[in-house]
C-alpha atoms as a PDB file:
ATOM      1  CA  MET A   1     -10.869  12.132   8.875  1.00  0.00           C
ATOM      2  CA  VAL A   2     -14.617  12.636   8.778  1.00  0.00           C
ATOM      3  CA  SER A   3     -15.242  16.357   8.958  1.00  0.00           C
ATOM      4  CA  ASP A   4     -18.825  16.195  10.232  1.00  0.00           C
ATOM      5  CA  LEU A   5     -17.983  14.202  13.368  1.00  0.00           C
ATOM      6  CA  SER A   6     -17.769  16.396  16.436  1.00  0.00           C
ATOM      7  CA  PRO A   7     -14.399  16.444  18.217  1.00  0.00           C
ATOM      8  CA  ILE A   8     -15.842  14.530  21.173  1.00  0.00           C
ATOM      9  CA  ASP A   9     -17.321  11.828  18.921  1.00  0.00           C
ATOM     10  CA  THR A  10     -14.029  11.596  17.051  1.00  0.00           C
ATOM     11  CA  ALA A  11     -12.201  11.151  20.361  1.00  0.00           C
ATOM     12  CA  LYS A  12     -14.558   8.391  21.458  1.00  0.00           C
ATOM     13  CA  PHE A  13     -14.381   6.631  18.113  1.00  0.00           C
ATOM     14  CA  VAL A  14     -10.587   6.570  17.826  1.00  0.00           C
ATOM     15  CA  SER A  15     -10.231   5.439  21.425  1.00  0.00           C
ATOM     16  CA  ALA A  16     -12.622   2.537  20.836  1.00  0.00           C
ATOM     17  CA  LYS A  17     -11.001   1.616  17.529  1.00  0.00           C
ATOM     18  CA  ARG A  18      -7.481   1.571  18.979  1.00  0.00           C
ATOM     19  CA  ALA A  19      -8.552  -0.527  21.968  1.00  0.00           C
ATOM     20  CA  LEU A  20      -9.793  -3.263  19.656  1.00  0.00           C
ATOM     21  CA  ASP A  21      -6.167  -3.892  18.655  1.00  0.00           C
ATOM     22  CA  TYR A  22      -6.019  -5.875  21.906  1.00  0.00           C
ATOM     23  CA  VAL A  23      -8.718  -8.274  20.705  1.00  0.00           C
ATOM     24  CA  GLU A  24      -7.736 -11.627  19.216  1.00  0.00           C
ATOM     25  CA  SER A  25      -9.864 -14.319  17.653  1.00  0.00           C
ATOM     26  CA  GLY A  26     -11.058 -16.862  20.200  1.00  0.00           C
ATOM     27  CA  MET A  27     -11.270 -14.385  23.065  1.00  0.00           C
ATOM     28  CA  ARG A  28     -13.986 -14.142  25.676  1.00  0.00           C
ATOM     29  CA  LEU A  29     -14.542 -10.416  25.785  1.00  0.00           C
ATOM     30  CA  GLY A  30     -16.285  -8.210  28.357  1.00  0.00           C
ATOM     31  CA  LEU A  31     -18.340  -5.524  26.603  1.00  0.00           C
ATOM     32  CA  GLY A  32     -18.649  -2.240  28.469  1.00  0.00           C
ATOM     33  CA  THR A  33     -21.566   0.157  28.795  1.00  0.00           C
ATOM     34  CA  GLY A  34     -21.785   3.826  27.809  1.00  0.00           C
ATOM     35  CA  SER A  35     -21.382   6.081  24.801  1.00  0.00           C
ATOM     36  CA  THR A  36     -17.713   5.280  24.165  1.00  0.00           C
ATOM     37  CA  ALA A  37     -18.324   1.563  24.680  1.00  0.00           C
ATOM     38  CA  SER A  38     -21.135   1.781  22.123  1.00  0.00           C
ATOM     39  CA  TRP A  39     -18.587   2.794  19.486  1.00  0.00           C
ATOM     40  CA  MET A  40     -16.481  -0.185  20.486  1.00  0.00           C
ATOM     41  CA  VAL A  41     -19.405  -2.619  20.195  1.00  0.00           C
ATOM     42  CA  ARG A  42     -20.326  -1.325  16.755  1.00  0.00           C
ATOM     43  CA  ILE A  43     -16.766  -1.534  15.417  1.00  0.00           C
ATOM     44  CA  LEU A  44     -16.394  -4.986  16.970  1.00  0.00           C
ATOM     45  CA  GLY A  45     -19.608  -6.081  15.263  1.00  0.00           C
ATOM     46  CA  GLU A  46     -18.182  -4.983  11.939  1.00  0.00           C
ATOM     47  CA  MET A  47     -15.044  -7.033  12.609  1.00  0.00           C
ATOM     48  CA  VAL A  48     -17.203 -10.078  13.382  1.00  0.00           C
ATOM     49  CA  ARG A  49     -19.374  -9.682  10.292  1.00  0.00           C
ATOM     50  CA  GLU A  50     -16.797  -8.607   7.725  1.00  0.00           C
ATOM     51  CA  GLU A  51     -13.474  -9.976   8.968  1.00  0.00           C
ATOM     52  CA  GLY A  52     -14.653 -13.254  10.463  1.00  0.00           C
ATOM     53  CA  LEU A  53     -13.415 -12.426  13.967  1.00  0.00           C
ATOM     54  CA  LYS A  54     -14.420 -15.216  16.350  1.00  0.00           C
ATOM     55  CA  ILE A  55     -15.164 -13.920  19.848  1.00  0.00           C
ATOM     56  CA  VAL A  56     -17.781 -14.344  22.543  1.00  0.00           C
ATOM     57  CA  GLY A  57     -18.992 -11.151  24.208  1.00  0.00           C
ATOM     58  CA  VAL A  58     -20.184 -10.868  27.796  1.00  0.00           C
ATOM     59  CA  PRO A  59     -22.172  -7.624  28.124  1.00  0.00           C
ATOM     60  CA  THR A  60     -22.088  -5.476  31.258  1.00  0.00           C
ATOM     61  CA  SER A  61     -25.710  -4.321  30.905  1.00  0.00           C
ATOM     62  CA  ASP A  62     -28.986  -5.168  29.217  1.00  0.00           C
ATOM     63  CA  ARG A  63     -28.611  -2.273  26.765  1.00  0.00           C
ATOM     64  CA  THR A  64     -25.113  -3.404  25.751  1.00  0.00           C
ATOM     65  CA  ALA A  65     -26.460  -6.925  25.261  1.00  0.00           C
ATOM     66  CA  GLN A  66     -29.179  -5.573  22.975  1.00  0.00           C
ATOM     67  CA  LEU A  67     -26.681  -3.540  20.939  1.00  0.00           C
ATOM     68  CA  ALA A  68     -24.296  -6.494  20.660  1.00  0.00           C
ATOM     69  CA  VAL A  69     -27.052  -8.722  19.296  1.00  0.00           C
ATOM     70  CA  GLU A  70     -28.067  -6.015  16.806  1.00  0.00           C
ATOM     71  CA  CYS A  71     -24.427  -5.824  15.652  1.00  0.00           C
ATOM     72  CA  GLY A  72     -24.152  -9.580  15.168  1.00  0.00           C
ATOM     73  CA  ILE A  73     -21.836 -10.287  18.106  1.00  0.00           C
ATOM     74  CA  PRO A  74     -22.320 -13.690  19.773  1.00  0.00           C
ATOM     75  CA  ILE A  75     -22.977 -13.133  23.468  1.00  0.00           C
ATOM     76  CA  SER A  76     -22.952 -15.273  26.571  1.00  0.00           C
ATOM     77  CA  THR A  77     -23.022 -14.820  30.337  1.00  0.00           C
ATOM     78  CA  LEU A  78     -20.279 -14.788  32.940  1.00  0.00           C
ATOM     79  CA  ASN A  79     -21.826 -17.861  34.542  1.00  0.00           C
ATOM     80  CA  ASP A  80     -21.338 -19.736  31.286  1.00  0.00           C
ATOM     81  CA  VAL A  81     -17.838 -18.554  30.318  1.00  0.00           C
ATOM     82  CA  LYS A  82     -16.503 -18.363  33.923  1.00  0.00           C
ATOM     83  CA  TRP A  83     -13.505 -16.155  33.079  1.00  0.00           C
ATOM     84  CA  LEU A  84     -12.687 -13.504  30.459  1.00  0.00           C
ATOM     85  CA  ASP A  85      -9.565 -12.726  28.472  1.00  0.00           C
ATOM     86  CA  LEU A  86     -10.254  -9.001  28.186  1.00  0.00           C
ATOM     87  CA  THR A  87     -12.794  -6.343  29.114  1.00  0.00           C
ATOM     88  CA  ILE A  88     -13.064  -3.053  27.232  1.00  0.00           C
ATOM     89  CA  ASP A  89     -15.119  -0.370  28.959  1.00  0.00           C
ATOM     90  CA  GLY A  90     -15.349   3.373  29.474  1.00  0.00           C
ATOM     91  CA  ALA A  91     -14.923   5.526  32.568  1.00  0.00           C
ATOM     92  CA  ASP A  92     -16.376   8.694  34.039  1.00  0.00           C
ATOM     93  CA  GLU A  93     -13.046   9.702  35.593  1.00  0.00           C
ATOM     94  CA  PHE A  94      -9.528   8.319  35.779  1.00  0.00           C
ATOM     95  CA  ASP A  95      -6.406   9.470  37.599  1.00  0.00           C
ATOM     96  CA  GLY A  96      -2.684   9.030  37.038  1.00  0.00           C
ATOM     97  CA  ASN A  97      -2.704   5.599  38.698  1.00  0.00           C
ATOM     98  CA  LEU A  98      -5.544   4.473  36.397  1.00  0.00           C
ATOM     99  CA  ASN A  99      -8.001   4.357  39.266  1.00  0.00           C
ATOM    100  CA  LEU A 100     -11.508   5.026  37.991  1.00  0.00           C
ATOM    101  CA  ILE A 101     -14.948   6.289  38.825  1.00  0.00           C
ATOM    102  CA  LYS A 102     -17.593   4.393  36.882  1.00  0.00           C
ATOM    103  CA  GLY A 103     -21.349   4.104  37.081  1.00  0.00           C
ATOM    104  CA  GLY A 104     -22.632   7.215  35.356  1.00  0.00           C
ATOM    105  CA  GLY A 105     -24.732   4.874  33.234  1.00  0.00           C
ATOM    106  CA  GLY A 106     -25.875   2.874  36.245  1.00  0.00           C
ATOM    107  CA  ALA A 107     -24.064  -0.367  35.346  1.00  0.00           C
ATOM    108  CA  HIS A 108     -21.007  -0.287  37.607  1.00  0.00           C
ATOM    109  CA  LEU A 109     -21.970  -3.409  39.597  1.00  0.00           C
ATOM    110  CA  GLN A 110     -21.945  -5.682  36.564  1.00  0.00           C
ATOM    111  CA  GLU A 111     -19.039  -3.716  35.076  1.00  0.00           C
ATOM    112  CA  LYS A 112     -16.908  -4.319  38.167  1.00  0.00           C
ATOM    113  CA  ILE A 113     -17.790  -8.005  38.385  1.00  0.00           C
ATOM    114  CA  ILE A 114     -16.896  -8.540  34.736  1.00  0.00           C
ATOM    115  CA  ALA A 115     -13.736  -6.407  34.863  1.00  0.00           C
ATOM    116  CA  THR A 116     -12.369  -8.264  37.884  1.00  0.00           C
ATOM    117  CA  ALA A 117     -13.140 -11.584  36.189  1.00  0.00           C
ATOM    118  CA  SER A 118     -10.857 -10.616  33.281  1.00  0.00           C
ATOM    119  CA  ASP A 119      -7.165 -11.124  32.642  1.00  0.00           C
ATOM    120  CA  GLN A 120      -6.956  -7.510  31.459  1.00  0.00           C
ATOM    121  CA  MET A 121      -9.103  -4.375  31.502  1.00  0.00           C
ATOM    122  CA  VAL A 122      -8.677  -1.704  28.839  1.00  0.00           C
ATOM    123  CA  VAL A 123     -10.466   1.595  29.418  1.00  0.00           C
ATOM    124  CA  ILE A 124     -11.521   3.751  26.477  1.00  0.00           C
ATOM    125  CA  THR A 125     -12.020   7.426  27.154  1.00  0.00           C
ATOM    126  CA  ASP A 126     -11.234  11.001  26.118  1.00  0.00           C
ATOM    127  CA  THR A 127      -9.133  13.759  27.628  1.00  0.00           C
ATOM    128  CA  SER A 128     -12.054  15.328  29.515  1.00  0.00           C
ATOM    129  CA  LYS A 129     -12.172  12.322  31.888  1.00  0.00           C
ATOM    130  CA  GLU A 130      -8.626  12.687  33.230  1.00  0.00           C
ATOM    131  CA  VAL A 131      -8.282  14.238  36.698  1.00  0.00           C
ATOM    132  CA  GLU A 132      -5.500  14.712  39.217  1.00  0.00           C
ATOM    133  CA  THR A 133      -7.755  13.537  42.059  1.00  0.00           C
ATOM    134  CA  LEU A 134     -10.966  11.550  41.704  1.00  0.00           C
ATOM    135  CA  GLY A 135     -14.230  12.989  42.941  1.00  0.00           C
ATOM    136  CA  ALA A 136     -15.426  15.798  40.677  1.00  0.00           C
ATOM    137  CA  PHE A 137     -17.787  13.284  39.063  1.00  0.00           C
ATOM    138  CA  PRO A 138     -20.435  12.091  41.561  1.00  0.00           C
ATOM    139  CA  LEU A 139     -19.544   8.666  42.914  1.00  0.00           C
ATOM    140  CA  PRO A 140     -22.333   6.133  42.269  1.00  0.00           C
ATOM    141  CA  VAL A 141     -23.146   3.629  44.992  1.00  0.00           C
ATOM    142  CA  GLU A 142     -25.621   0.846  44.241  1.00  0.00           C
ATOM    143  CA  VAL A 143     -27.885   0.072  47.203  1.00  0.00           C
ATOM    144  CA  VAL A 144     -30.764  -2.297  47.874  1.00  0.00           C
ATOM    145  CA  CYS A 145     -34.167  -0.645  47.734  1.00  0.00           C
ATOM    146  CA  PHE A 146     -35.182  -1.800  51.209  1.00  0.00           C
ATOM    147  CA  GLY A 147     -34.239   0.851  53.758  1.00  0.00           C
ATOM    148  CA  TRP A 148     -32.347   2.972  51.234  1.00  0.00           C
ATOM    149  CA  GLU A 149     -32.957   6.157  53.224  1.00  0.00           C
ATOM    150  CA  THR A 150     -31.309   4.589  56.276  1.00  0.00           C
ATOM    151  CA  THR A 151     -28.427   3.431  54.068  1.00  0.00           C
ATOM    152  CA  LYS A 152     -28.128   7.001  52.772  1.00  0.00           C
ATOM    153  CA  ALA A 153     -27.981   8.418  56.319  1.00  0.00           C
ATOM    154  CA  LEU A 154     -25.326   5.886  57.353  1.00  0.00           C
ATOM    155  CA  MET A 155     -23.337   6.712  54.262  1.00  0.00           C
ATOM    156  CA  GLU A 156     -23.404  10.463  54.866  1.00  0.00           C
ATOM    157  CA  GLU A 157     -22.333   9.877  58.478  1.00  0.00           C
ATOM    158  CA  ALA A 158     -19.430   7.696  57.338  1.00  0.00           C
ATOM    159  CA  LEU A 159     -18.296  10.351  54.873  1.00  0.00           C
ATOM    160  CA  MET A 160     -17.657  12.746  57.747  1.00  0.00           C
ATOM    161  CA  ASN A 161     -14.716  10.551  58.781  1.00  0.00           C
ATOM    162  CA  VAL A 162     -12.912  10.402  55.419  1.00  0.00           C
ATOM    163  CA  ASP A 163     -10.922  12.974  53.468  1.00  0.00           C
ATOM    164  CA  VAL A 164     -13.492  14.311  51.009  1.00  0.00           C
ATOM    165  CA  MET A 165     -14.785  17.813  50.273  1.00  0.00           C
ATOM    166  CA  GLY A 166     -18.510  16.995  50.291  1.00  0.00           C
ATOM    167  CA  THR A 167     -20.763  14.575  52.165  1.00  0.00           C
ATOM    168  CA  SER A 168     -24.152  14.782  50.440  1.00  0.00           C
ATOM    169  CA  ALA A 169     -25.835  11.845  48.723  1.00  0.00           C
ATOM    170  CA  THR A 170     -28.779  12.025  46.323  1.00  0.00           C
ATOM    171  CA  LEU A 171     -31.046   9.297  45.013  1.00  0.00           C
ATOM    172  CA  ARG A 172     -30.652   8.946  41.248  1.00  0.00           C
ATOM    173  CA  LEU A 173     -33.921   9.505  39.431  1.00  0.00           C
ATOM    174  CA  ASP A 174     -35.334   8.384  36.102  1.00  0.00           C
ATOM    175  CA  HIS A 175     -37.667  11.307  35.397  1.00  0.00           C
ATOM    176  CA  ASP A 176     -39.830  11.428  38.553  1.00  0.00           C
ATOM    177  CA  ARG A 177     -39.102   7.887  39.775  1.00  0.00           C
ATOM    178  CA  PRO A 178     -36.023   6.246  41.278  1.00  0.00           C
ATOM    179  CA  PHE A 179     -33.583   4.912  38.710  1.00  0.00           C
ATOM    180  CA  VAL A 180     -33.511   1.106  38.925  1.00  0.00           C
ATOM    181  CA  THR A 181     -30.428  -0.851  37.863  1.00  0.00           C
ATOM    182  CA  ASP A 182     -30.448  -4.075  35.848  1.00  0.00           C
ATOM    183  CA  GLU A 183     -30.144  -5.921  39.156  1.00  0.00           C
ATOM    184  CA  GLY A 184     -33.195  -4.153  40.608  1.00  0.00           C
ATOM    185  CA  HIS A 185     -31.360  -1.770  42.946  1.00  0.00           C
ATOM    186  CA  TYR A 186     -31.250   1.994  43.496  1.00  0.00           C
ATOM    187  CA  ILE A 187     -28.226   4.257  43.059  1.00  0.00           C
ATOM    188  CA  LEU A 188     -27.094   6.944  45.475  1.00  0.00           C
ATOM    189  CA  ASP A 189     -24.770   9.520  43.916  1.00  0.00           C
ATOM    190  CA  LEU A 190     -22.202  10.925  46.356  1.00  0.00           C
ATOM    191  CA  HIS A 191     -21.161  14.523  45.707  1.00  0.00           C
ATOM    192  CA  LEU A 192     -17.654  14.446  47.153  1.00  0.00           C
ATOM    193  CA  ARG A 193     -15.742  16.856  44.853  1.00  0.00           C
ATOM    194  CA  ARG A 194     -12.426  15.323  45.926  1.00  0.00           C
ATOM    195  CA  ILE A 195     -11.499  11.817  47.110  1.00  0.00           C
ATOM    196  CA  ALA A 196      -8.097  11.872  48.789  1.00  0.00           C
ATOM    197  CA  GLU A 197      -8.036   8.152  49.660  1.00  0.00           C
ATOM    198  CA  PRO A 198     -10.142   6.188  47.158  1.00  0.00           C
ATOM    199  CA  ARG A 199      -9.070   2.766  48.429  1.00  0.00           C
ATOM    200  CA  LYS A 200     -10.034   3.608  52.007  1.00  0.00           C
ATOM    201  CA  LEU A 201     -13.338   5.133  50.921  1.00  0.00           C
ATOM    202  CA  SER A 202     -14.224   2.076  48.848  1.00  0.00           C
ATOM    203  CA  LEU A 203     -13.676  -0.241  51.811  1.00  0.00           C
ATOM    204  CA  ILE A 204     -15.722   1.975  54.152  1.00  0.00           C
ATOM    205  CA  LEU A 205     -18.658   2.271  51.756  1.00  0.00           C
ATOM    206  CA  ASN A 206     -18.876  -1.464  51.114  1.00  0.00           C
ATOM    207  CA  GLN A 207     -19.094  -2.171  54.846  1.00  0.00           C
ATOM    208  CA  ILE A 208     -22.346  -0.204  55.197  1.00  0.00           C
ATOM    209  CA  PRO A 209     -25.438  -2.446  55.376  1.00  0.00           C
ATOM    210  CA  GLY A 210     -27.529  -2.002  52.250  1.00  0.00           C
ATOM    211  CA  VAL A 211     -24.603  -1.086  49.995  1.00  0.00           C
ATOM    212  CA  VAL A 212     -24.164  -3.497  47.106  1.00  0.00           C
ATOM    213  CA  GLU A 213     -21.152  -1.929  45.354  1.00  0.00           C
ATOM    214  CA  ASN A 214     -19.532   1.458  44.758  1.00  0.00           C
ATOM    215  CA  GLY A 215     -18.192   2.941  41.537  1.00  0.00           C
ATOM    216  CA  LEU A 216     -14.532   3.162  42.543  1.00  0.00           C
ATOM    217  CA  PHE A 217     -12.372   0.839  40.429  1.00  0.00           C
ATOM    218  CA  ILE A 218      -9.053   0.514  42.243  1.00  0.00           C
ATOM    219  CA  ASP A 219      -6.150  -1.468  40.722  1.00  0.00           C
ATOM    220  CA  ILE A 220      -8.453  -2.985  38.086  1.00  0.00           C
ATOM    221  CA  CYS A 221      -7.601  -1.031  34.926  1.00  0.00           C
ATOM    222  CA  ASP A 222      -4.437  -2.130  33.092  1.00  0.00           C
ATOM    223  CA  VAL A 223      -4.490   0.153  30.053  1.00  0.00           C
ATOM    224  CA  VAL A 224      -6.231   3.418  29.247  1.00  0.00           C
ATOM    225  CA  VAL A 225      -6.690   4.561  25.658  1.00  0.00           C
ATOM    226  CA  ILE A 226      -7.302   8.316  25.519  1.00  0.00           C
ATOM    227  CA  GLY A 227      -8.864   9.696  22.349  1.00  0.00           C
ATOM    228  CA  HIS A 228      -8.430  13.248  21.082  1.00  0.00           C
ATOM    229  CA  GLY A 229     -10.647  15.281  18.810  1.00  0.00           C
ATOM    230  CA  ASP A 230      -8.013  15.386  16.056  1.00  0.00           C
ATOM    231  CA  GLY A 231      -7.783  11.593  15.805  1.00  0.00           C
ATOM    232  CA  GLN A 232      -4.754  11.186  18.043  1.00  0.00           C
ATOM    233  CA  VAL A 233      -4.750   8.521  20.747  1.00  0.00           C
ATOM    234  CA  GLU A 234      -2.556   8.094  23.793  1.00  0.00           C
ATOM    235  CA  VAL A 235      -2.143   4.588  25.195  1.00  0.00           C
ATOM    236  CA  ARG A 236      -0.954   4.254  28.793  1.00  0.00           C
ATOM    237  CA  ASP A 237      -0.047   0.827  30.150  1.00  0.00           C
ATOM    238  CA  ILE A 238       0.177   0.835  33.947  1.00  0.00           C
ATOM    239  CA  ASN A 239       1.978  -2.534  34.044  1.00  0.00           C
ATOM    240  CA  SER A 240       4.748  -1.802  31.541  1.00  0.00           C
ATOM    241  CA  GLY A 241       4.898   1.903  32.339  1.00  0.00           C
ATOM    242  CA  THR A 242       4.788   2.760  28.640  1.00  0.00           C
ATOM    243  CA  ILE A 243       3.006   5.644  26.907  1.00  0.00           C
ATOM    244  CA  GLU A 244       2.373   5.496  23.155  1.00  0.00           C
ATOM    245  CA  HIS A 245       0.896   8.026  20.728  1.00  0.00           C
ATOM    246  CA  GLU A 246      -0.774   7.224  17.425  1.00  0.00           C
ATOM    247  CA  LEU A 247      -2.992   8.831  14.791  1.00  0.00           C
ATOM    248  CA  ILE A 248      -6.123   6.841  13.965  1.00  0.00           C
ATOM    249  CA  ASP A 249      -8.000   7.306  10.685  1.00  0.00           C
ATOM    250  CA  VAL A 250     -11.763   7.748  10.891  1.00  0.00           C
ATOM    251  CA  ILE A 251     -13.592   6.396   7.856  1.00  0.00           C
ATOM    252  CA  GLU A 252     -17.298   7.104   7.494  1.00  0.00           C
ATOM    253  CA  ARG A 253     -19.480   3.988   7.557  1.00  0.00           C
ATOM    254  CA  ASP A 254     -23.244   4.420   7.800  1.00  0.00           C
ATOM    255  CA  ASN A 255     -23.718   1.266   9.861  1.00  0.00           C
ATOM    256  CA  LEU A 256     -21.506   2.709  12.628  1.00  0.00           C
ATOM    257  CA  PHE A 257     -22.510   6.354  12.709  1.00  0.00           C
ATOM    258  CA  VAL A 258     -26.141   6.056  13.764  1.00  0.00           C
ATOM    259  CA  ASP A 259     -28.078   6.142  17.022  1.00  0.00           C
ATOM    260  CA  ILE A 260     -25.107   6.631  19.340  1.00  0.00           C
ATOM    261  CA  ALA A 261     -25.907   9.008  22.176  1.00  0.00           C
ATOM    262  CA  ASP A 262     -24.537   9.784  25.617  1.00  0.00           C
END
């Protein structure tokens, strides 16, 4: 175990490393976005360069695409590959049914498209992301720029009719300007605190004119790999109902342990 890795970085690393056990040569692989997914991309790149692993990656964001290229991973687009064998991605929250909130990095639209175009989705995360009920993390909703304030008002009105503990929405900013997604949209973050019926809320939000997609991932995740700061991982498979525990070794490699930030 590498002593100078923080517990949270250790948790992210071992989660990413264990998830790559699901990868086989010849796969078309969805590459997630975020700090934990960055570990996965770097380890995957090492497997491509040093072990001869043959895969094609489909990134879920421009920044993941850039990192994948830097790591030597061949990449393509969903339009070209049509369907994926596996997607590995992170999450901002997950519950006991492996429902997720994603979009803290602003990529949930492409992440959801790619995840639903995959035979399997494996989520890599740490213990801090597990919740009994979704909603403590603000729910991202991607909206078109045109009329976004009207979309926001309609959204807040709709929230009054669902079982949540908050109804405010804020425009995500990048310094003093609106944050713009890879697809050229804005993001409204919903501060709900608790989402009693995530499936119902997802359907309601996506019916509002101007909404492109929300960050609720319902019945999409198949496996969650939960990393711990001591190198332990817990693997939960929602389809088989199994829970496994393992200890993952962390070996220091300079080409992996650089420039990874939240």
